[in-house]
Amino acid sequence: DVSGVGVDGQVEAVRAAAVEARAWLDPSVGRVVRAVWLERGGGRSGVLVLVAHHLVVDGVSWRVVLGDLAEGWAQVRSGGRVELGVVGTSLRGWAAALAEQGRRGERAGEVELWSRMVRGADVLVGSRAVDGAVDVFGRVESVGSRASVSVSRALLTEVPSVLGVGVQEVLLAAFGLAVARWRGRGGPVVVDVEGHGRNEDAVRGADLSRTVGWFTSVYPVRVPVESVSWDEVRAGGAVVGRVVREVKETLRS
């Protein structure tokens, strides 16, 4: 009940409820969704704070949930029953279908592609191998950098247009070239690329348009980078176009 505080106090109550709800979440014991209703009184509608763990919701899911909340609330206000759209394929059904494909060997023909993608890659990023006791999440550091308008325009519009590719290809090529320069040598760079995961054609007849859950797909992409002259890269030499085109073909495969 937040009816006894002013607007600023109610805003702070919403924030506090969100923080408390996040702290309450614990997937290990099945606590993945928390709803808090704040009653404002005075004939005013209340405020719903809804928090869900990323394990059970993704960005597309939120669009489904929020749309359903708006539609259901409108039906309640008009005195009707809440009747929402049908969910085509459940998350459980989707996961079971993928697992069944694995058991039946339907994906066996893809093994060579993925083996080739990671074969011979130098996975050593730093000067030593990863140490599981030392290299933990709590020691991660981030470095931020802000791109200028001219660089952003080139990245998002001009370069993809000239080379006939998407932004992802340009970013992966740039990352591969940067790693090659940092290492001081060429060689393939393998990157885990994350996709939204709602690839309905992977399961015959699936309909995920209204399915709530965490869909994601992570797959290795091999960025072939030769030993290059960084001066040529900075000058926009032919090597840049070659790397971008090779990344494009790799993603298409």
Protein backbone atom coordinates (compact mmCIF):
# COMPACT_ATOMS: atom_id res chain seq x y z
CA ASP A 1 0.00 0.00 0.00
CA VAL A 2 1.65 3.22 -1.20
CA SER A 3 -1.44 5.42 -0.99
CA GLY A 4 -0.01 7.45 1.88
CA VAL A 5 3.02 8.81 0.02
CA GLY A 6 3.35 11.39 -2.72
CA VAL A 7 4.27 10.84 -6.35
CA ASP A 8 8.02 10.84 -5.65
CA GLY A 9 7.52 8.33 -2.88
CA GLN A 10 5.50 6.09 -5.15
CA VAL A 11 8.17 6.19 -7.82
CA GLU A 12 10.75 5.22 -5.21
CA ALA A 13 8.45 2.41 -4.01
CA VAL A 14 8.32 1.02 -7.55
CA ARG A 15 12.11 1.04 -7.75
CA ALA A 16 12.45 -0.59 -4.34
CA ALA A 17 9.91 -3.27 -5.28
CA ALA A 18 11.84 -4.06 -8.46
CA VAL A 19 15.13 -4.39 -6.56
CA GLU A 20 13.52 -6.60 -3.92
CA ALA A 21 11.84 -8.76 -6.56
CA ARG A 22 15.14 -9.28 -8.40
CA ALA A 23 16.86 -10.27 -5.18
CA TRP A 24 14.08 -12.79 -4.47
CA LEU A 25 14.61 -14.63 -7.77
CA ASP A 26 16.51 -17.90 -7.43
CA PRO A 27 16.35 -20.42 -10.31
CA SER A 28 17.96 -23.13 -8.17
CA VAL A 29 14.74 -23.41 -6.16
CA GLY A 30 12.34 -22.56 -8.98
CA ARG A 31 11.78 -18.87 -8.14
CA VAL A 32 11.91 -17.31 -11.60
CA VAL A 33 8.95 -14.88 -11.73
CA ARG A 34 7.88 -12.25 -9.19
CA ALA A 35 4.87 -9.93 -9.38
CA VAL A 36 4.33 -7.05 -6.94
CA TRP A 37 1.13 -4.97 -6.89
CA LEU A 38 1.37 -1.43 -5.51
CA GLU A 39 -2.00 -0.02 -4.44
CA ARG A 40 -2.06 3.78 -4.87
CA GLY A 41 -5.54 4.47 -3.48
CA GLY A 42 -7.69 7.49 -4.19
CA GLY A 43 -9.47 5.78 -7.05
CA ARG A 44 -6.24 5.57 -9.03
CA SER A 45 -5.17 2.35 -10.71
CA GLY A 46 -2.33 0.50 -9.06
CA VAL A 47 1.08 -0.31 -10.45
CA LEU A 48 2.28 -3.80 -11.32
CA VAL A 49 5.98 -4.58 -11.01
CA LEU A 50 6.77 -7.75 -12.92
CA VAL A 51 10.25 -9.29 -12.80
CA ALA A 52 11.32 -12.50 -14.56
CA HIS A 53 14.67 -14.26 -14.63
CA HIS A 54 16.40 -14.36 -18.02
CA LEU A 55 16.27 -18.13 -17.81
CA VAL A 56 12.53 -18.03 -18.59
CA VAL A 57 12.13 -14.92 -20.74
CA ASP A 58 13.90 -13.21 -23.63
CA GLY A 59 13.33 -9.95 -25.46
CA VAL A 60 10.72 -11.38 -27.82
CA SER A 61 8.93 -13.02 -24.88
CA TRP A 62 8.50 -9.66 -23.16
CA ARG A 63 6.64 -8.37 -26.20
CA VAL A 64 4.27 -11.33 -25.91
CA VAL A 65 3.82 -10.90 -22.14
CA LEU A 66 3.24 -7.15 -22.27
CA GLY A 67 0.79 -7.48 -25.14
CA ASP A 68 -1.14 -10.14 -23.23
CA LEU A 69 -1.21 -8.01 -20.07
CA ALA A 70 -2.60 -5.03 -21.99
CA GLU A 71 -5.19 -7.14 -23.79
CA GLY A 72 -6.25 -9.01 -20.65
CA TRP A 73 -6.55 -5.80 -18.64
CA ALA A 74 -8.68 -4.21 -21.36
CA GLN A 75 -10.99 -7.26 -21.31
CA VAL A 76 -11.29 -7.07 -17.51
CA ARG A 77 -12.09 -3.35 -17.56
CA SER A 78 -14.83 -3.89 -20.13
CA GLY A 79 -16.38 -6.57 -17.90
CA GLY A 80 -15.40 -9.51 -20.09
CA ARG A 81 -13.39 -12.65 -19.52
CA VAL A 82 -9.68 -12.81 -20.22
CA GLU A 83 -9.23 -14.71 -23.46
CA LEU A 84 -5.75 -14.62 -24.93
CA GLY A 85 -4.36 -15.97 -28.17
CA VAL A 86 -3.37 -19.60 -28.51
CA VAL A 87 0.28 -20.58 -28.02
CA GLY A 88 1.32 -22.66 -31.03
CA THR A 89 4.36 -24.52 -29.65
CA SER A 90 5.32 -24.64 -25.98
CA LEU A 91 8.92 -24.21 -24.88
CA ARG A 92 8.81 -27.74 -23.46
CA GLY A 93 7.53 -29.13 -26.78
CA TRP A 94 10.21 -27.23 -28.70
CA ALA A 95 13.03 -28.50 -26.48
CA ALA A 96 11.72 -32.07 -26.64
CA ALA A 97 11.54 -31.94 -30.43
CA LEU A 98 15.15 -30.76 -30.71
CA ALA A 99 16.32 -33.49 -28.34
CA GLU A 100 14.42 -36.09 -30.36
CA GLN A 101 16.16 -34.94 -33.54
CA GLY A 102 19.46 -35.59 -31.80
CA ARG A 103 18.41 -39.08 -30.73
CA ARG A 104 17.25 -39.95 -34.25
CA GLY A 105 20.48 -38.67 -35.77
CA GLU A 106 18.75 -36.12 -38.01
CA ARG A 107 21.55 -33.61 -37.45
CA ALA A 108 24.42 -36.04 -38.00
CA GLY A 109 25.11 -34.55 -41.42
CA GLU A 110 25.98 -31.22 -39.82
CA VAL A 111 28.79 -32.57 -37.63
CA GLU A 112 31.48 -32.13 -40.29
CA LEU A 113 30.56 -28.46 -40.81
CA TRP A 114 30.90 -27.64 -37.13
CA SER A 115 34.05 -29.74 -36.74
CA ARG A 116 35.60 -27.86 -39.67
CA MET A 117 34.55 -24.54 -38.12
CA VAL A 118 36.68 -25.09 -35.00
CA ARG A 119 39.45 -27.31 -36.40
CA GLY A 120 42.97 -25.96 -35.99
CA ALA A 121 41.88 -22.78 -34.27
CA ASP A 122 44.12 -21.15 -31.71
CA VAL A 123 41.85 -20.86 -28.70
CA LEU A 124 44.51 -19.29 -26.50
CA VAL A 125 43.44 -15.69 -25.97
CA GLY A 126 45.99 -14.47 -23.45
CA SER A 127 49.55 -15.46 -22.69
CA ARG A 128 48.51 -18.65 -20.89
CA ALA A 129 45.74 -21.22 -20.79
CA VAL A 130 42.54 -20.53 -18.88
CA ASP A 131 42.79 -21.34 -15.17
CA GLY A 132 39.39 -22.30 -13.75
CA ALA A 133 40.42 -21.35 -10.23
CA VAL A 134 41.57 -17.85 -11.18
CA ASP A 135 39.73 -16.81 -14.34
CA VAL A 136 36.26 -16.52 -12.83
CA PHE A 137 33.34 -14.22 -13.53
CA GLY A 138 34.00 -12.14 -10.45
CA ARG A 139 37.32 -10.97 -11.91
CA VAL A 140 35.93 -9.87 -15.26
CA GLU A 141 36.75 -6.31 -16.25
CA SER A 142 35.08 -4.31 -18.99
CA VAL A 143 36.51 -1.61 -21.21
CA GLY A 144 34.10 0.85 -22.77
CA SER A 145 34.62 2.94 -25.88
CA ARG A 146 32.36 5.46 -27.61
CA ALA A 147 32.40 5.62 -31.41
CA SER A 148 32.13 8.95 -33.20
CA VAL A 149 29.20 9.77 -35.47
CA SER A 150 31.36 9.32 -38.58
CA VAL A 151 32.62 5.90 -37.45
CA SER A 152 29.10 4.79 -36.48
CA ARG A 153 27.71 5.94 -39.83
CA ALA A 154 30.43 4.04 -41.68
CA LEU A 155 29.85 0.89 -39.64
CA LEU A 156 26.06 0.86 -39.76
CA THR A 157 25.40 2.12 -43.30
CA GLU A 158 28.28 2.94 -45.60
CA VAL A 159 30.59 -0.09 -45.29
CA PRO A 160 27.81 -2.75 -45.36
CA SER A 161 26.30 -1.02 -48.41
CA VAL A 162 29.59 -0.92 -50.33
CA LEU A 163 30.51 -4.54 -49.52
CA GLY A 164 26.99 -5.99 -49.78
CA VAL A 165 27.00 -7.42 -46.26
CA GLY A 166 25.33 -6.84 -42.89
CA VAL A 167 26.70 -5.11 -39.80
CA GLN A 168 27.46 -8.49 -38.17
CA GLU A 169 29.92 -9.44 -40.93
CA VAL A 170 31.72 -6.10 -40.59
CA LEU A 171 31.95 -6.41 -36.79
CA LEU A 172 33.25 -9.99 -36.92
CA ALA A 173 35.84 -9.12 -39.59
CA ALA A 174 37.00 -6.09 -37.59
CA PHE A 175 37.24 -8.20 -34.43
CA GLY A 176 39.29 -10.86 -36.25
CA LEU A 177 41.66 -8.26 -37.66
CA ALA A 178 42.03 -6.61 -34.24
CA VAL A 179 42.85 -9.95 -32.58
CA ALA A 180 45.40 -10.71 -35.31
CA ARG A 181 47.08 -7.36 -34.71
CA TRP A 182 47.03 -7.89 -30.92
CA ARG A 183 48.53 -11.37 -31.27
CA GLY A 184 51.09 -10.16 -33.79
CA ARG A 185 50.26 -12.97 -36.19
CA GLY A 186 47.53 -14.27 -38.45
CA GLY A 187 45.44 -17.38 -38.06
CA PRO A 188 41.75 -18.21 -37.60
CA VAL A 189 39.82 -16.59 -34.78
CA VAL A 190 36.80 -18.59 -33.57
CA VAL A 191 34.01 -16.54 -32.04
CA ASP A 192 30.85 -17.74 -30.29
CA VAL A 193 27.97 -15.90 -31.96
CA GLU A 194 24.61 -15.76 -30.23
CA GLY A 195 21.37 -15.73 -32.19
CA HIS A 196 17.79 -15.21 -31.06
CA GLY A 197 17.15 -18.96 -31.43
CA ARG A 198 13.57 -18.80 -32.73
CA ASN A 199 14.39 -20.70 -35.91
CA GLU A 200 11.00 -22.28 -36.48
CA ASP A 201 12.15 -24.22 -39.53
CA ALA A 202 14.40 -26.31 -37.26
CA VAL A 203 11.27 -28.13 -36.05
CA ARG A 204 8.70 -28.99 -38.66
CA GLY A 205 5.36 -27.29 -38.00
CA ALA A 206 6.54 -25.22 -35.02
CA ASP A 207 4.90 -21.87 -34.24
CA LEU A 208 6.89 -19.79 -31.74
CA SER A 209 5.24 -16.43 -32.40
CA ARG A 210 3.49 -16.44 -28.99
CA THR A 211 5.81 -18.72 -27.04
CA VAL A 212 7.37 -17.31 -23.87
CA GLY A 213 10.79 -18.60 -22.86
CA TRP A 214 14.50 -18.11 -23.27
CA PHE A 215 15.31 -19.00 -26.86
CA THR A 216 18.92 -18.61 -27.85
CA SER A 217 21.41 -20.30 -30.11
CA VAL A 218 25.17 -20.08 -29.71
CA TYR A 219 27.34 -21.30 -32.55
CA PRO A 220 31.03 -21.01 -33.46
CA VAL A 221 32.05 -18.81 -36.39
CA ARG A 222 35.54 -19.14 -37.83
CA VAL A 223 37.00 -15.79 -38.87
CA PRO A 224 39.92 -16.54 -41.22
CA VAL A 225 42.55 -13.83 -40.75
CA GLU A 226 45.88 -13.87 -42.53
CA SER A 227 48.97 -12.01 -41.40
CA VAL A 228 48.14 -8.47 -42.45
CA SER A 229 49.68 -5.07 -42.56
CA TRP A 230 47.82 -2.85 -40.11
CA ASP A 231 48.65 0.18 -42.25
CA GLU A 232 46.78 -1.51 -45.11
CA VAL A 233 43.83 -2.22 -42.82
CA ARG A 234 43.68 1.40 -41.65
CA ALA A 235 43.86 2.58 -45.26
CA GLY A 236 40.94 0.37 -46.23
CA GLY A 237 43.09 -1.86 -48.40
CA ALA A 238 42.00 -4.97 -50.28
CA VAL A 239 42.67 -7.20 -47.26
CA VAL A 240 39.66 -5.71 -45.45
CA GLY A 241 37.31 -6.63 -48.27
CA ARG A 242 38.76 -10.14 -48.43
CA VAL A 243 38.23 -10.81 -44.74
CA VAL A 244 34.68 -9.42 -44.80
CA ARG A 245 33.77 -11.57 -47.83
CA GLU A 246 35.22 -14.69 -46.18
CA VAL A 247 33.20 -13.98 -43.03
CA LYS A 248 30.10 -13.54 -45.19
CA GLU A 249 30.62 -16.93 -46.86
CA THR A 250 31.31 -18.57 -43.50
CA LEU A 251 28.06 -17.24 -42.01
CA ARG A 252 26.13 -18.36 -45.08
CA SER A 253 27.51 -21.89 -44.74
